[in-house]
C-alpha atoms as a PDB file:
ATOM      1  CA  MET A   1      -7.186 -65.058 -15.295  1.00  0.00           C
ATOM      2  CA  ASP A   2      -7.676 -68.154 -17.410  1.00  0.00           C
ATOM      3  CA  GLY A   3      -8.836 -70.127 -14.367  1.00  0.00           C
ATOM      4  CA  LYS A   4      -5.837 -69.237 -12.182  1.00  0.00           C
ATOM      5  CA  LYS A   5      -6.360 -67.317  -8.934  1.00  0.00           C
ATOM      6  CA  SER A   6      -4.132 -64.489  -7.807  1.00  0.00           C
ATOM      7  CA  ALA A   7      -1.812 -65.395  -4.919  1.00  0.00           C
ATOM      8  CA  SER A   8      -3.460 -62.692  -2.815  1.00  0.00           C
ATOM      9  CA  PRO A   9      -6.228 -60.104  -3.222  1.00  0.00           C
ATOM     10  CA  VAL A  10      -5.330 -56.929  -5.092  1.00  0.00           C
ATOM     11  CA  ALA A  11      -5.736 -53.993  -2.712  1.00  0.00           C
ATOM     12  CA  ARG A  12      -8.368 -51.571  -3.993  1.00  0.00           C
ATOM     13  CA  PHE A  13      -8.700 -49.467  -0.823  1.00  0.00           C
ATOM     14  CA  ASP A  14      -6.222 -46.640  -0.424  1.00  0.00           C
ATOM     15  CA  SER A  15      -5.872 -43.092   0.922  1.00  0.00           C
ATOM     16  CA  TYR A  16      -8.127 -41.722  -1.845  1.00  0.00           C
ATOM     17  CA  CYS A  17     -11.142 -43.863  -0.877  1.00  0.00           C
ATOM     18  CA  THR A  18     -12.882 -41.062   0.987  1.00  0.00           C
ATOM     19  CA  TYR A  19     -14.723 -40.385  -2.312  1.00  0.00           C
ATOM     20  CA  HIS A  20     -15.704 -42.326  -5.462  1.00  0.00           C
ATOM     21  CA  ARG A  21     -13.218 -42.201  -8.293  1.00  0.00           C
ATOM     22  CA  ILE A  22     -12.239 -44.151 -11.365  1.00  0.00           C
ATOM     23  CA  ALA A  23      -9.038 -46.086 -10.709  1.00  0.00           C
ATOM     24  CA  THR A  24      -7.252 -48.653 -12.832  1.00  0.00           C
ATOM     25  CA  LEU A  25      -6.965 -52.373 -12.168  1.00  0.00           C
ATOM     26  CA  GLY A  26      -4.798 -54.157 -14.690  1.00  0.00           C
ATOM     27  CA  VAL A  27      -5.601 -57.860 -14.893  1.00  0.00           C
ATOM     28  CA  PHE A  28      -3.561 -59.119 -17.840  1.00  0.00           C
ATOM     29  CA  ASN A  29      -0.494 -58.261 -19.846  1.00  0.00           C
ATOM     30  CA  GLY A  30       0.445 -61.341 -21.827  1.00  0.00           C
ATOM     31  CA  ALA A  31       0.229 -63.237 -25.068  1.00  0.00           C
ATOM     32  CA  ASP A  32      -2.475 -62.718 -27.667  1.00  0.00           C
ATOM     33  CA  GLY A  33      -5.257 -65.280 -27.764  1.00  0.00           C
ATOM     34  CA  VAL A  34      -8.571 -66.074 -26.135  1.00  0.00           C
ATOM     35  CA  HIS A  35      -8.584 -65.504 -22.376  1.00  0.00           C
ATOM     36  CA  THR A  36     -11.101 -65.514 -19.531  1.00  0.00           C
ATOM     37  CA  VAL A  37     -11.171 -63.016 -16.678  1.00  0.00           C
ATOM     38  CA  GLU A  38     -13.123 -63.387 -13.448  1.00  0.00           C
ATOM     39  CA  ILE A  39     -13.118 -60.677 -10.770  1.00  0.00           C
ATOM     40  CA  THR A  40     -14.280 -61.730  -7.307  1.00  0.00           C
ATOM     41  CA  VAL A  41     -14.729 -59.366  -4.365  1.00  0.00           C
ATOM     42  CA  ASP A  42     -12.889 -60.743  -1.330  1.00  0.00           C
ATOM     43  CA  LYS A  43     -15.132 -61.569   1.637  1.00  0.00           C
ATOM     44  CA  ASP A  44     -12.758 -59.935   4.153  1.00  0.00           C
ATOM     45  CA  GLN A  45     -13.063 -56.204   4.720  1.00  0.00           C
ATOM     46  CA  PRO A  46      -9.754 -54.445   4.032  1.00  0.00           C
ATOM     47  CA  SER A  47      -8.082 -52.219   6.597  1.00  0.00           C
ATOM     48  CA  ARG A  48      -9.570 -48.732   6.607  1.00  0.00           C
ATOM     49  CA  GLN A  49      -6.438 -47.168   8.085  1.00  0.00           C
ATOM     50  CA  PRO A  50      -5.165 -45.774   4.730  1.00  0.00           C
ATOM     51  CA  VAL A  51      -7.861 -43.054   4.920  1.00  0.00           C
ATOM     52  CA  ALA A  52      -7.639 -42.383   8.684  1.00  0.00           C
ATOM     53  CA  PHE A  53      -5.232 -39.451   8.287  1.00  0.00           C
ATOM     54  CA  ARG A  54      -7.782 -37.653   6.058  1.00  0.00           C
ATOM     55  CA  LEU A  55     -10.561 -37.789   8.669  1.00  0.00           C
ATOM     56  CA  LYS A  56     -11.143 -35.395  11.569  1.00  0.00           C
ATOM     57  CA  ASN A  57     -12.267 -38.133  13.958  1.00  0.00           C
ATOM     58  CA  PRO A  58     -11.085 -41.475  12.474  1.00  0.00           C
ATOM     59  CA  ALA A  59     -12.547 -43.732  15.192  1.00  0.00           C
ATOM     60  CA  VAL A  60     -16.055 -42.321  14.628  1.00  0.00           C
ATOM     61  CA  GLU A  61     -15.831 -41.839  10.853  1.00  0.00           C
ATOM     62  CA  LEU A  62     -14.428 -45.314  10.084  1.00  0.00           C
ATOM     63  CA  ALA A  63     -17.324 -46.907  12.019  1.00  0.00           C
ATOM     64  CA  LYS A  64     -19.889 -45.306   9.678  1.00  0.00           C
ATOM     65  CA  PRO A  65     -21.650 -47.469   7.053  1.00  0.00           C
ATOM     66  CA  LYS A  66     -19.757 -45.647   4.272  1.00  0.00           C
ATOM     67  CA  TYR A  67     -16.590 -47.529   5.279  1.00  0.00           C
ATOM     68  CA  GLN A  68     -18.170 -50.894   6.098  1.00  0.00           C
ATOM     69  CA  GLY A  69     -18.348 -53.986   3.917  1.00  0.00           C
ATOM     70  CA  THR A  70     -16.755 -54.772   0.592  1.00  0.00           C
ATOM     71  CA  LYS A  71     -17.981 -53.238  -2.641  1.00  0.00           C
ATOM     72  CA  PHE A  72     -16.636 -52.948  -6.163  1.00  0.00           C
ATOM     73  CA  TRP A  73     -18.141 -50.681  -8.822  1.00  0.00           C
ATOM     74  CA  PRO A  74     -16.595 -51.306 -12.236  1.00  0.00           C
ATOM     75  CA  ALA A  75     -16.959 -48.101 -14.214  1.00  0.00           C
ATOM     76  CA  LYS A  76     -15.115 -48.651 -17.471  1.00  0.00           C
ATOM     77  CA  ILE A  77     -13.549 -51.719 -19.034  1.00  0.00           C
ATOM     78  CA  MET A  78     -10.774 -51.379 -21.589  1.00  0.00           C
ATOM     79  CA  LEU A  79     -10.578 -54.375 -23.849  1.00  0.00           C
ATOM     80  CA  VAL A  80      -7.928 -54.730 -26.522  1.00  0.00           C
ATOM     81  CA  GLY A  81      -9.391 -57.213 -28.981  1.00  0.00           C
ATOM     82  CA  ASP A  82     -12.868 -58.656 -29.350  1.00  0.00           C
ATOM     83  CA  LEU A  83     -15.307 -59.685 -26.628  1.00  0.00           C
ATOM     84  CA  GLN A  84     -16.459 -63.271 -27.128  1.00  0.00           C
ATOM     85  CA  ASP A  85     -19.532 -64.928 -25.615  1.00  0.00           C
END
């Protein structure tokens, strides 16, 4: 936000990640004005353990391509104000 990096990555992988869903990610709650936002996907794969309890055979399921790598699919962006180029 405005050229400042977050102290640590914001966890986006949780116990509901066995399927695609729209979830919220708030990035700013501050003063009015012109701001810049940059979202970067972290290079490190997050722990897949939050979904392990939902799987019949976690060791096999978590090794599948579905749970490998890092991906981010923005679905909807809520902007209060005007988008500037």
